[in-house]
Each structure stands twice: as C-alpha cells, then as structure tokens.
C-alpha cells in the first residue's frame, strides 16, 4: 500500500485541492504577467511616439537653409540619461546626437522609409527601445530617431514577477490550510455516521443512524445504510426463526428415536416387538433424511448453485402429470381433483422444478381440504402470462398469515401438519421453484371458503438476474 492510498480522505482532498489551486494560480499569474507586460510595452511605445512628436517640434530651418536642433533642457544628457534623440540629413550628415544615445549604433539611412519603425537594441549592456522615422524640415528630409532605456520598465516587470512568484506558495499554503479545515468540517458527519454505525451490532440491529438532512449526500448515505441495517435485521430475524424451527424439527424425530431405543433397551422384548421398534426408528430416520434433503435443496437455491435445464413444454400436461402422481393421496381422503387446462399453453422453464412447485401446492390442498371435498385446478392464459390456480375447500388463510404462508417451517396447524409428516417446507420450495423460473405465486381466500393458490408464469424465456442467482443448466443431482 502506498503512502498516498493510506492517507485519510481529508488529507487527499486537501492535497488535490492544493494541486488544482496551484495549477490555476500558475495559469492565472502567467496570464496576468503577460497582460501587464503587454500593457507596459504598449505604454512604452506610446511614450516613444510622444517623444518623436516632440522631437519634430525641436527641428528648425536656418536662414541659410540648414537644419538645426533647438531642443530644451529635457533632452539635455546631463538631465536625463534614459532618453535620447538623433537627427541625420538624408545625405548622412549628423545634425544632432544627444549624450544619452551616444552608445547607440547609427541608423542605416538606406533602409529608412517614411513608415516609422520600432526596434529594441542592446548597447553597452543596456536595453533600449527606439522609434525611427523621416520628417520634413524646411523642405529637406531628415531622419529622426528617439530612444528610451528599458531599464526602469524591466525593473517594474521584474518586481511584478517576483511578487507573483513569491506570493504563489503563500496563497497555496493558506488555501491548503483553509481546504483542510473545510474538508475536516465536511467529513465530520461521516465520522459521526461511522461512530454510530460501529455501535450497531448483531444484537442492536433495530437501531438506526440519525439523518439530520435527508436531501444532501450525507443524508442519502445514511438512508442507504439504514436500509441496509433494516434488511440485515430482517435477514437475522429470518435466520433466527429458521435456526429455531430447524432445531425443533430435527429434535422431534431424534427424541422419538432416542425414546424408542431406550424403551427397547430397558427390558427384554420379543423379536416382533424389536422389529416394530426398528421400523418406527427407520420411519423417523426417513423423516430426518427428507428434512435434511429439503433444507439442502433450499440452501442450494439460496446460494445460486441450482442450474436449470430450460425447455418449452405444455403447462396443462405438466399439471395433469403432477395431479396424477398425487391421485392415491386424494383417493385415501375420498377427494375429487379436477383439472381444467386449456390446450397449447406453453412456457419455457425447467420442467422438473416447475412440476415440483405444482406438486407441492396440490399436495398442500389435499392435506388441508376436508375428506370428500373437491379441489379444482385451472390452467389458462391471460395476455403473455400463464396462470395455474389451485382452489381447495379448506379452512382458508387469515390475512395476517398470507405473507408468511411461504416462509420456511411456517404452519397454520402445527399438530395437523405433523400428523401428515409435514415440516412446513413444501410451500417454501414451491415459491422458490416458481420464482427461479421467472414467475410468482400468491394466495387468496375463495369467495365460497377455502384458499386459491395462483402460479403466474411468463410465456417466454424469463430474464435471469443476479438476485435470482441461478444458472442455465440444472444440477441433476439436486432434483
């Protein structure tokens, strides 16, 4: 792990803020310096232009037709060492040369035109800015050059540059301190959330984080964390109930097996009595085996390791096959099971898994319907959905129990379910089998009494999602 990745968020935010601010200030300072320099140079050239105009006024024509310089004290070299003036006749004769410009090279008269020309010259270690042009004095053409030393200008620009360069780290340092303080204040609510979340353990999942402002980013984060705690609380509650119910279901047959064994060892019995005791023990072992196998199947479904073998098949025929396998149970209770299935209703799903769902729902209807009653099953289409309804004549289901009827180990009648060998897992498996094939299962009370279980399946191939957690091939060893 690098030191940068190990640093706290506030330190990284401050560092990024300082870097970005530094780049912005460098760009701003550079642009400012260039703009000031351009403005200073333009003003400098304007001053040269004014000097040229003034110098033209100092040129006069004498009576003998010559050109003379009548300048004033401002152009005396003893008074100003930074400004100079030079005048030449077109023939090359020097008319005037100030002391300040004595170090400058003469003008190339042959290249001089009527267009005024600005130049920068370095002479004797000093930089000069010159303006050269022609003028007419008494009808005679002369070449006039005015010059100014750039020493003062460069000094002013250097001072500005020094201020910008030295002021930059000071500004960045102050901004970094301010950025750290702001980052610390901005991240304080997160530290508060972390401390609150740290005290919420598995035993205190009912507690929630405080949300001072639900509309900002921290508030939305706290709301998401609270939703996560709510889901965890629900999952923990379900896990506790599942563990308690599973322990209870496993304890009962184990207690029976232990009781039969202790009774058999308590006194000498006949071979027939021992055989009967062993048969009872084997029945309980079968019950335990079925319960463990069912729990394993549900755990594989929760883990997403059950693979489906999808194919297109007739739902009506599948329903008839499931009902046929339960015919003996219905006959024992003198019940009449009817199937009203439309022809040609095809879905794409795992045939064996869906058959198990229908079998469990019909088996539940047979167990809870009274003797000599009727159970009606319908298979029909509604748009792009296929419905399978199972209507019984049982006692019905209270509204508060309809949400839990598909929970594992949930029973409406504990004693009756145990008499039939049930563990309260049939409808839980049915719910998983339907949903893993992209459908849904619901229950409602019939108008004339009893319950109506409804399985709704899509006619096409359902879209697989990560939440459903299943793959495209079914693991045959778990069927």
Protein backbone atom coordinates (compact mmCIF):
# COMPACT_ATOMS: atom_id res chain seq x y z
CA UNK A 1 0.00 0.00 0.00
CA UNK A 2 1.42 3.38 -1.00
CA UNK A 3 1.53 6.28 1.46
CA UNK A 4 -0.93 8.15 -0.77
CA UNK A 5 -3.55 5.39 -0.62
CA UNK A 6 -3.03 5.06 3.14
CA UNK A 7 -3.66 8.75 3.74
CA UNK A 8 -7.02 9.90 5.06
CA UNK A 9 -9.67 11.33 2.74
CA UNK A 10 -9.31 14.82 4.20
CA UNK A 11 -5.56 14.77 3.53
CA UNK A 12 -6.09 13.59 -0.04
CA UNK A 13 -8.82 16.16 -0.60
CA UNK A 14 -6.56 18.89 0.74
CA UNK A 15 -3.66 17.73 -1.44
CA UNK A 16 -5.81 17.60 -4.56
CA UNK A 17 -7.27 20.99 -3.72
CA UNK A 18 -3.79 22.47 -3.29
CA UNK A 19 -2.52 20.94 -6.54
CA UNK A 20 -5.51 22.11 -8.57
CA UNK A 21 -5.37 25.56 -6.98
CA UNK A 22 -1.63 25.79 -7.69
CA UNK A 23 -2.16 24.97 -11.35
CA UNK A 24 -4.98 27.51 -11.58
CA UNK A 25 -2.86 30.19 -9.87
CA UNK A 26 0.12 29.45 -12.13
CA UNK A 27 -2.07 29.85 -15.20
CA UNK A 28 -3.67 32.98 -13.77
CA UNK A 29 -0.33 34.52 -12.73
CA UNK A 30 1.21 33.77 -16.14
CA UNK A 31 -1.74 35.30 -17.96
CA UNK A 32 -1.68 38.32 -15.64
CA UNK A 33 2.05 38.87 -16.11
CA UNK A 34 1.79 38.61 -19.88
CA UNK A 35 -1.14 41.04 -19.94
CA UNK A 36 0.69 43.55 -17.71
CA UNK A 37 3.87 43.22 -19.78
CA UNK A 38 1.94 43.80 -22.99
CA UNK A 39 0.24 46.83 -21.48
CA UNK A 40 3.56 48.25 -20.23
CA UNK A 41 5.19 47.80 -23.64
CA UNK A 42 2.30 49.50 -25.36
CA UNK A 43 2.55 52.44 -22.96
CA UNK A 44 6.31 52.50 -23.51
CA UNK A 45 5.82 52.67 -27.27
CA UNK A 46 3.20 55.42 -26.81
CA UNK A 47 5.78 57.40 -24.84
CA UNK A 48 8.28 56.93 -27.67
CA UNK A 49 5.69 58.18 -30.10
CA UNK A 50 5.17 61.29 -27.96
CA UNK A 51 8.94 61.79 -27.82
CA UNK A 52 9.10 61.59 -31.62
CA UNK A 53 6.36 64.21 -31.99
CA UNK A 54 8.12 66.49 -29.53
CA UNK A 55 11.48 66.00 -31.26
CA UNK A 56 9.95 67.01 -34.58
CA UNK A 57 8.97 70.30 -32.97
CA UNK A 58 12.57 70.98 -31.99
CA UNK A 59 13.83 70.76 -35.58
CA UNK A 60 14.00 74.17 -37.32
CA UNK A 61 15.34 75.53 -40.62
CA UNK A 62 18.00 78.23 -40.50
CA UNK A 63 18.26 81.21 -42.85
CA UNK A 64 20.96 79.55 -44.88
CA UNK A 65 18.67 76.53 -45.49
CA UNK A 66 20.29 74.23 -42.95
CA UNK A 67 18.50 72.11 -40.31
CA UNK A 68 19.15 72.90 -36.66
CA UNK A 69 18.10 71.34 -33.28
CA UNK A 70 16.53 73.81 -30.89
CA UNK A 71 15.78 71.36 -28.11
CA UNK A 72 15.20 72.24 -24.45
CA UNK A 73 16.59 71.07 -21.13
CA UNK A 74 14.51 67.93 -21.09
CA UNK A 75 16.75 66.46 -23.78
CA UNK A 76 19.99 67.55 -22.23
CA UNK A 77 22.05 64.38 -21.47
CA UNK A 78 23.00 65.82 -18.11
CA UNK A 79 19.33 65.93 -17.13
CA UNK A 80 18.07 62.57 -18.46
CA UNK A 81 20.22 59.53 -19.07
CA UNK A 82 17.33 57.31 -20.16
CA UNK A 83 16.08 59.25 -23.18
CA UNK A 84 17.92 60.29 -26.32
CA UNK A 85 17.37 61.85 -29.73
CA UNK A 86 19.36 61.59 -33.00
CA UNK A 87 18.90 63.53 -36.25
CA UNK A 88 20.54 62.86 -39.64
CA UNK A 89 20.17 64.51 -43.00
CA UNK A 90 19.27 62.26 -45.89
CA UNK A 91 22.84 62.69 -47.12
CA UNK A 92 24.13 61.05 -43.95
CA UNK A 93 25.33 64.18 -42.16
CA UNK A 94 24.73 64.12 -38.37
CA UNK A 95 22.55 67.08 -37.31
CA UNK A 96 22.11 66.27 -33.60
CA UNK A 97 23.01 63.48 -31.20
CA UNK A 98 22.19 63.54 -27.50
CA UNK A 99 24.55 62.26 -24.88
CA UNK A 100 22.15 59.57 -23.68
CA UNK A 101 22.05 57.93 -27.11
CA UNK A 102 25.76 58.22 -27.83
CA UNK A 103 26.24 54.49 -27.23
CA UNK A 104 23.62 53.52 -29.79
CA UNK A 105 24.70 52.48 -33.29
CA UNK A 106 23.85 54.92 -36.13
CA UNK A 107 20.76 54.38 -38.22
CA UNK A 108 21.10 52.66 -41.61
CA UNK A 109 19.82 55.56 -43.71
CA UNK A 110 19.45 53.46 -46.84
CA UNK A 111 16.80 51.28 -45.17
CA UNK A 112 14.89 54.17 -43.65
CA UNK A 113 11.39 54.69 -45.05
CA UNK A 114 8.56 57.06 -44.35
CA UNK A 115 6.96 54.33 -42.18
CA UNK A 116 8.05 54.70 -38.58
CA UNK A 117 9.82 51.66 -37.14
CA UNK A 118 10.13 50.41 -33.54
CA UNK A 119 13.24 48.45 -32.54
CA UNK A 120 14.85 47.00 -29.44
CA UNK A 121 18.62 47.46 -29.20
CA UNK A 122 21.20 46.30 -26.66
CA UNK A 123 24.19 48.62 -26.33
CA UNK A 124 26.84 48.60 -23.64
CA UNK A 125 24.81 46.13 -21.55
CA UNK A 126 21.68 48.27 -21.60
CA UNK A 127 18.43 47.62 -23.47
CA UNK A 128 16.93 50.45 -25.48
CA UNK A 129 13.68 50.90 -27.34
CA UNK A 130 13.88 53.15 -30.38
CA UNK A 131 11.47 54.75 -32.82
CA UNK A 132 12.91 55.80 -36.20
CA UNK A 133 11.18 57.75 -38.95
CA UNK A 134 11.59 60.59 -41.51
CA UNK A 135 10.45 64.18 -41.25
CA UNK A 136 10.48 67.28 -43.49
CA UNK A 137 12.11 70.45 -42.15
CA UNK A 138 12.04 73.44 -44.47
CA UNK A 139 11.56 71.16 -47.42
CA UNK A 140 14.51 68.98 -46.51
CA UNK A 141 14.15 65.33 -45.47
CA UNK A 142 15.73 64.29 -42.21
CA UNK A 143 15.89 61.00 -40.30
CA UNK A 144 14.80 61.25 -36.67
CA UNK A 145 15.35 58.59 -34.02
CA UNK A 146 14.16 58.81 -30.43
CA UNK A 147 15.16 56.24 -27.81
CA UNK A 148 14.31 55.26 -24.26
CA UNK A 149 16.20 52.93 -21.95
CA UNK A 150 14.17 49.85 -20.89
CA UNK A 151 15.90 49.59 -17.53
CA UNK A 152 13.05 51.08 -15.50
CA UNK A 153 10.45 49.07 -17.44
CA UNK A 154 12.29 45.81 -16.90
CA UNK A 155 12.73 46.63 -13.22
CA UNK A 156 9.00 47.16 -12.81
CA UNK A 157 8.20 43.91 -14.66
CA UNK A 158 10.73 42.03 -12.53
CA UNK A 159 9.19 43.36 -9.34
CA UNK A 160 5.74 42.23 -10.51
CA UNK A 161 7.12 38.79 -11.40
CA UNK A 162 8.81 38.45 -8.01
CA UNK A 163 5.58 39.36 -6.23
CA UNK A 164 3.63 36.78 -8.25
CA UNK A 165 6.23 34.02 -7.77
CA UNK A 166 6.79 34.62 -4.06
CA UNK A 167 3.11 35.17 -3.36
CA UNK A 168 2.05 31.93 -5.06
CA UNK A 169 3.30 29.47 -2.37
CA UNK A 170 1.95 31.74 0.37
CA UNK A 171 -1.50 31.74 -1.23
CA UNK A 172 -1.35 27.98 -1.85
CA UNK A 173 -0.27 27.36 1.75
CA UNK A 174 -3.10 29.45 3.16
CA UNK A 175 -5.55 27.82 0.77
CA UNK A 176 -4.28 24.37 1.81
CA UNK A 177 -4.88 25.17 5.47
CA UNK A 178 -8.32 26.50 4.66
CA UNK A 179 -9.03 23.46 2.45
CA UNK A 180 -8.04 21.09 5.24
CA UNK A 181 -10.34 22.88 7.67
CA UNK A 182 -13.20 22.79 5.18
CA UNK A 183 -12.58 19.11 4.37
CA UNK A 184 -12.49 18.29 8.06
CA UNK A 185 -15.78 20.06 8.65
CA UNK A 186 -17.34 18.49 5.57
CA UNK A 187 -16.27 14.98 6.63
CA UNK A 188 -17.25 15.36 10.28
CA UNK A 189 -20.77 13.98 9.60
CA UNK A 190 -19.16 10.89 8.05
CA UNK A 191 -17.07 10.36 11.19
CA UNK A 192 -20.29 10.71 13.17
CA UNK A 193 -22.00 8.12 10.96
CA UNK A 194 -19.02 5.79 11.35
CA UNK A 195 -19.11 6.04 15.14
CA UNK A 196 -22.87 5.44 15.17
CA UNK A 197 -22.59 2.51 12.76
CA UNK A 198 -19.79 0.99 14.85
CA UNK A 199 -22.03 0.64 17.89
CA UNK A 200 -24.74 -1.21 15.93
CA UNK A 201 -24.03 -4.91 16.38
CA UNK A 202 -25.99 -8.05 15.56
CA UNK A 203 -27.88 -7.63 18.84
CA UNK A 204 -28.71 -3.96 18.14
CA UNK A 205 -29.80 -4.09 14.50
CA UNK A 206 -33.06 -2.38 15.43
CA UNK A 207 -31.17 0.88 15.95
CA UNK A 208 -30.73 3.34 13.09
CA UNK A 209 -28.37 6.14 12.16
CA UNK A 210 -29.54 9.70 12.69
CA UNK A 211 -30.22 11.61 9.46
CA UNK A 212 -30.05 15.39 10.10
CA UNK A 213 -30.63 16.30 6.43
CA UNK A 214 -32.19 13.73 4.15
CA UNK A 215 -31.61 15.76 0.98
CA UNK A 216 -27.81 16.11 0.95
CA UNK A 217 -25.22 13.45 0.12
CA UNK A 218 -24.59 12.54 3.77
CA UNK A 219 -28.31 12.18 4.38
CA UNK A 220 -28.73 9.90 1.37
CA UNK A 221 -25.75 7.83 2.51
CA UNK A 222 -27.25 7.48 5.98
CA UNK A 223 -30.59 6.49 4.45
CA UNK A 224 -28.89 3.77 2.37
CA UNK A 225 -27.05 2.48 5.45
CA UNK A 226 -30.31 2.45 7.42
CA UNK A 227 -31.97 0.48 4.63
CA UNK A 228 -29.08 -1.96 4.75
CA UNK A 229 -29.47 -2.34 8.51
CA UNK A 230 -33.20 -2.94 8.01
CA UNK A 231 -32.50 -5.71 5.50
CA UNK A 232 -29.87 -7.19 7.81
CA UNK A 233 -32.29 -7.09 10.72
CA UNK A 234 -34.92 -8.88 8.64
CA UNK A 235 -32.37 -11.45 7.47
CA UNK A 236 -31.12 -12.04 11.02
CA UNK A 237 -34.70 -12.45 12.25
CA UNK A 238 -35.42 -14.95 9.49
CA UNK A 239 -32.17 -16.77 10.26
CA UNK A 240 -33.02 -16.95 13.96
CA UNK A 241 -36.51 -18.27 13.20
CA UNK A 242 -35.11 -20.70 10.66
CA UNK A 243 -32.48 -21.96 13.10
CA UNK A 244 -35.00 -22.33 15.90
CA UNK A 245 -37.54 -24.08 13.65
CA UNK A 246 -34.92 -26.34 12.08
CA UNK A 247 -33.59 -27.27 15.51
CA UNK A 248 -37.12 -28.04 16.66
CA UNK A 249 -37.86 -30.14 13.58
CA UNK A 250 -34.64 -32.09 13.99
CA UNK A 251 -35.07 -32.52 17.73
CA UNK A 252 -38.51 -34.16 17.47
CA UNK A 253 -37.53 -37.24 15.41
CA UNK A 254 -34.27 -37.54 17.30
CA UNK A 255 -36.21 -37.58 20.57
CA UNK A 256 -38.53 -40.23 19.17
CA UNK A 257 -35.59 -42.36 18.04
CA UNK A 258 -33.93 -41.95 21.43
CA UNK A 259 -37.15 -42.84 23.26
CA UNK A 260 -37.72 -45.96 21.16
CA UNK A 261 -34.12 -47.04 21.67
CA UNK A 262 -34.22 -46.51 25.41
CA UNK A 263 -37.51 -48.36 25.66
CA UNK A 264 -36.10 -51.26 23.65
CA UNK A 265 -33.04 -51.48 25.87
CA UNK A 266 -34.99 -51.08 29.07
CA UNK A 267 -36.37 -54.62 29.06
CA UNK A 268 -36.25 -57.80 27.03
CA UNK A 269 -38.79 -57.88 24.19
CA UNK A 270 -39.90 -60.33 21.58
CA UNK A 271 -38.39 -60.29 18.09
CA UNK A 272 -41.67 -58.90 16.71
CA UNK A 273 -41.57 -56.01 19.18
CA UNK A 274 -37.94 -55.28 18.31
CA UNK A 275 -38.83 -55.35 14.63
CA UNK A 276 -41.67 -52.92 15.21
CA UNK A 277 -39.36 -50.59 17.19
CA UNK A 278 -36.75 -50.68 14.43
CA UNK A 279 -39.44 -49.92 11.87
CA UNK A 280 -40.54 -46.87 13.88
CA UNK A 281 -36.94 -45.74 14.15
CA UNK A 282 -36.47 -46.10 10.39
CA UNK A 283 -39.59 -44.02 9.77
CA UNK A 284 -38.12 -41.25 11.86
CA UNK A 285 -34.80 -41.63 10.05
CA UNK A 286 -36.63 -41.26 6.72
CA UNK A 287 -38.32 -38.16 8.05
CA UNK A 288 -34.95 -36.73 9.09
CA UNK A 289 -33.45 -37.62 5.72
CA UNK A 290 -36.27 -35.91 3.82
CA UNK A 291 -35.99 -32.85 6.03
CA UNK A 292 -32.22 -32.57 5.54
CA UNK A 293 -32.53 -33.13 1.77
CA UNK A 294 -35.18 -30.42 1.56
CA UNK A 295 -33.07 -27.97 3.57
CA UNK A 296 -30.09 -28.72 1.34
CA UNK A 297 -32.15 -28.03 -1.76
CA UNK A 298 -33.31 -24.71 -0.35
CA UNK A 299 -29.76 -23.78 0.65
CA UNK A 300 -28.54 -24.58 -2.88
CA UNK A 301 -31.30 -22.37 -4.24
CA UNK A 302 -30.32 -19.52 -1.92
CA UNK A 303 -26.66 -19.92 -2.89
CA UNK A 304 -27.46 -19.90 -6.62
CA UNK A 305 -25.87 -23.27 -7.33
CA UNK A 306 -29.02 -24.87 -8.78
CA UNK A 307 -28.75 -24.95 -12.55
CA UNK A 308 -31.84 -25.02 -14.71
CA UNK A 309 -32.45 -27.03 -17.88
CA UNK A 310 -34.91 -24.83 -19.76
CA UNK A 311 -37.21 -26.16 -22.43
CA UNK A 312 -40.62 -25.37 -23.88
CA UNK A 313 -43.45 -27.62 -22.68
CA UNK A 314 -47.22 -27.71 -22.21
CA UNK A 315 -48.17 -26.45 -18.75
CA UNK A 316 -51.55 -28.18 -18.87
CA UNK A 317 -49.99 -31.59 -19.47
CA UNK A 318 -47.41 -30.94 -16.75
CA UNK A 319 -50.23 -30.12 -14.31
CA UNK A 320 -52.10 -33.34 -15.21
CA UNK A 321 -48.92 -35.37 -14.60
CA UNK A 322 -48.42 -33.74 -11.19
CA UNK A 323 -52.04 -34.38 -10.18
CA UNK A 324 -51.81 -37.98 -11.39
CA UNK A 325 -48.84 -38.62 -9.09
CA UNK A 326 -50.96 -37.49 -6.12
CA UNK A 327 -54.04 -39.50 -7.06
CA UNK A 328 -53.50 -42.10 -4.33
CA UNK A 329 -53.44 -39.44 -1.60
CA UNK A 330 -56.69 -37.94 -2.88
CA UNK A 331 -58.34 -41.36 -3.08
CA UNK A 332 -57.38 -42.13 0.51
CA UNK A 333 -59.28 -39.00 1.60
CA UNK A 334 -62.11 -39.60 -0.86
CA UNK A 335 -61.36 -36.27 -2.55
CA UNK A 336 -62.10 -35.30 -6.13
CA UNK A 337 -59.37 -33.41 -8.00
CA UNK A 338 -60.34 -31.87 -11.37
CA UNK A 339 -58.05 -30.25 -13.93
CA UNK A 340 -59.41 -27.71 -16.44
CA UNK A 341 -56.46 -26.91 -18.68
CA UNK A 342 -56.52 -25.07 -21.99
CA UNK A 343 -54.60 -26.74 -24.79
CA UNK A 344 -51.35 -25.42 -26.22
CA UNK A 345 -50.28 -23.24 -23.29
CA UNK A 346 -46.51 -23.45 -23.49
CA UNK A 347 -43.85 -21.89 -21.27
CA UNK A 348 -40.07 -22.04 -21.31
CA UNK A 349 -38.81 -23.20 -17.92
CA UNK A 350 -37.26 -26.11 -16.07
CA UNK A 351 -39.90 -28.83 -16.31
CA UNK A 352 -38.88 -30.85 -13.23
CA UNK A 353 -38.51 -27.79 -10.98
CA UNK A 354 -41.87 -26.37 -12.02
CA UNK A 355 -43.55 -29.75 -11.61
CA UNK A 356 -42.28 -29.88 -8.05
CA UNK A 357 -43.88 -26.47 -7.36
CA UNK A 358 -47.26 -27.59 -8.71
CA UNK A 359 -46.99 -30.91 -6.86
CA UNK A 360 -46.32 -29.20 -3.53
CA UNK A 361 -49.23 -26.77 -3.95
CA UNK A 362 -51.67 -29.56 -4.87
CA UNK A 363 -50.33 -31.76 -2.05
CA UNK A 364 -50.92 -28.87 0.38
CA UNK A 365 -54.51 -28.53 -0.89
CA UNK A 366 -55.14 -32.26 -0.40
CA UNK A 367 -53.76 -32.19 3.17
CA UNK A 368 -55.79 -29.18 4.32
CA UNK A 369 -59.07 -29.89 2.49
CA UNK A 370 -61.66 -31.96 4.37
CA UNK A 371 -62.50 -35.50 3.33
CA UNK A 372 -64.88 -35.97 0.39
CA UNK A 373 -64.21 -32.41 -0.79
CA UNK A 374 -63.32 -31.12 -4.25
CA UNK A 375 -60.13 -29.47 -5.44
CA UNK A 376 -60.33 -27.52 -8.68
CA UNK A 377 -57.26 -26.76 -10.83
CA UNK A 378 -57.35 -24.37 -13.79
CA UNK A 379 -54.69 -23.62 -16.37
CA UNK A 380 -55.40 -20.64 -18.64
CA UNK A 381 -53.68 -17.75 -20.41
CA UNK A 382 -54.01 -14.06 -19.64
CA UNK A 383 -52.07 -11.97 -22.15
CA UNK A 384 -48.44 -13.05 -22.11
CA UNK A 385 -48.87 -14.90 -18.81
CA UNK A 386 -49.99 -18.45 -18.00
CA UNK A 387 -51.98 -18.91 -14.79
CA UNK A 388 -52.23 -22.12 -12.76
CA UNK A 389 -54.81 -21.86 -9.95
CA UNK A 390 -55.43 -24.47 -7.25
CA UNK A 391 -58.70 -23.92 -5.32
CA UNK A 392 -59.40 -26.06 -2.26
CA UNK A 393 -62.24 -26.21 0.27
CA UNK A 394 -60.07 -25.93 3.35
CA UNK A 395 -60.42 -23.50 6.26
CA UNK A 396 -58.87 -20.61 4.35
CA UNK A 397 -55.95 -18.42 5.40
CA UNK A 398 -56.19 -15.33 7.58
CA UNK A 399 -54.96 -12.07 6.04
CA UNK A 400 -52.12 -11.73 8.55
CA UNK A 401 -50.85 -15.23 7.66
CA UNK A 402 -50.83 -14.86 3.86
CA UNK A 403 -47.45 -13.12 3.87
CA UNK A 404 -45.91 -15.88 5.98
CA UNK A 405 -47.52 -18.88 4.37
CA UNK A 406 -44.49 -19.31 2.10
CA UNK A 407 -41.95 -18.96 4.93
CA UNK A 408 -39.93 -21.99 5.88
CA UNK A 409 -41.32 -24.07 8.75
CA UNK A 410 -44.47 -21.95 8.94
CA UNK A 411 -47.65 -23.94 9.68
CA UNK A 412 -51.22 -22.85 10.20
CA UNK A 413 -51.97 -26.04 12.14
CA UNK A 414 -48.88 -27.45 13.87
CA UNK A 415 -50.47 -30.69 15.08
CA UNK A 416 -52.20 -31.46 11.78
CA UNK A 417 -49.04 -30.83 9.77
CA UNK A 418 -47.02 -33.16 11.95
CA UNK A 419 -49.67 -35.86 11.64
CA UNK A 420 -49.18 -35.71 7.88
CA UNK A 421 -45.40 -35.73 8.22
CA UNK A 422 -45.00 -32.17 7.03
CA UNK A 423 -42.18 -29.86 8.06
CA UNK A 424 -43.62 -26.62 6.71
CA UNK A 425 -41.23 -26.52 3.74
CA UNK A 426 -43.46 -27.52 0.83
CA UNK A 427 -44.78 -24.05 0.01
CA UNK A 428 -41.33 -22.53 0.58
CA UNK A 429 -39.92 -24.87 -2.08
CA UNK A 430 -42.89 -24.07 -4.35
CA UNK A 431 -42.22 -20.34 -4.02
CA UNK A 432 -38.53 -20.81 -4.84
CA UNK A 433 -39.29 -23.12 -7.79
CA UNK A 434 -41.76 -20.64 -9.32
CA UNK A 435 -39.60 -17.56 -8.82
CA UNK A 436 -36.45 -19.22 -10.14
CA UNK A 437 -38.39 -19.76 -13.39
CA UNK A 438 -39.34 -16.08 -13.57
CA UNK A 439 -42.87 -16.40 -12.15
CA UNK A 440 -44.68 -15.56 -8.95
CA UNK A 441 -47.02 -17.36 -6.57
CA UNK A 442 -49.78 -15.82 -4.44
CA UNK A 443 -52.64 -17.00 -2.26
CA UNK A 444 -56.09 -15.60 -1.57
CA UNK A 445 -59.30 -16.78 0.02
CA UNK A 446 -62.07 -18.05 -2.24
CA UNK A 447 -65.50 -16.43 -2.16
CA UNK A 448 -67.17 -19.66 -1.01
CA UNK A 449 -64.46 -20.60 1.50
CA UNK A 450 -61.14 -22.28 1.09
CA UNK A 451 -57.96 -20.93 -0.49
CA UNK A 452 -56.85 -20.25 -4.05
CA UNK A 453 -53.16 -20.57 -4.82
CA UNK A 454 -52.16 -18.84 -8.07
CA UNK A 455 -48.98 -19.52 -10.04
CA UNK A 456 -48.24 -16.97 -12.79
CA UNK A 457 -45.58 -17.77 -15.38
CA UNK A 458 -44.27 -15.82 -18.41
CA UNK A 459 -44.83 -17.48 -21.77
CA UNK A 460 -41.32 -16.56 -22.98
CA UNK A 461 -37.90 -17.23 -21.54
CA UNK A 462 -37.53 -15.18 -18.32
CA UNK A 463 -34.59 -12.83 -17.96
CA UNK A 464 -32.04 -14.11 -15.46
CA UNK A 465 -30.93 -11.65 -12.81
CA UNK A 466 -28.11 -11.75 -10.29
CA UNK A 467 -30.64 -11.52 -7.43
CA UNK A 468 -32.28 -14.77 -8.52
CA UNK A 469 -28.84 -16.40 -8.52
CA UNK A 470 -29.38 -19.33 -10.86
CA UNK A 471 -27.61 -20.60 -13.96
CA UNK A 472 -28.76 -22.02 -17.27
CA UNK A 473 -28.16 -25.73 -16.61
CA UNK A 474 -29.82 -27.65 -13.81
CA UNK A 475 -27.77 -29.75 -11.40
CA UNK A 476 -29.48 -33.10 -11.76
CA UNK A 477 -28.08 -34.40 -8.50
CA UNK A 478 -30.35 -31.96 -6.61
CA UNK A 479 -33.62 -32.95 -8.31
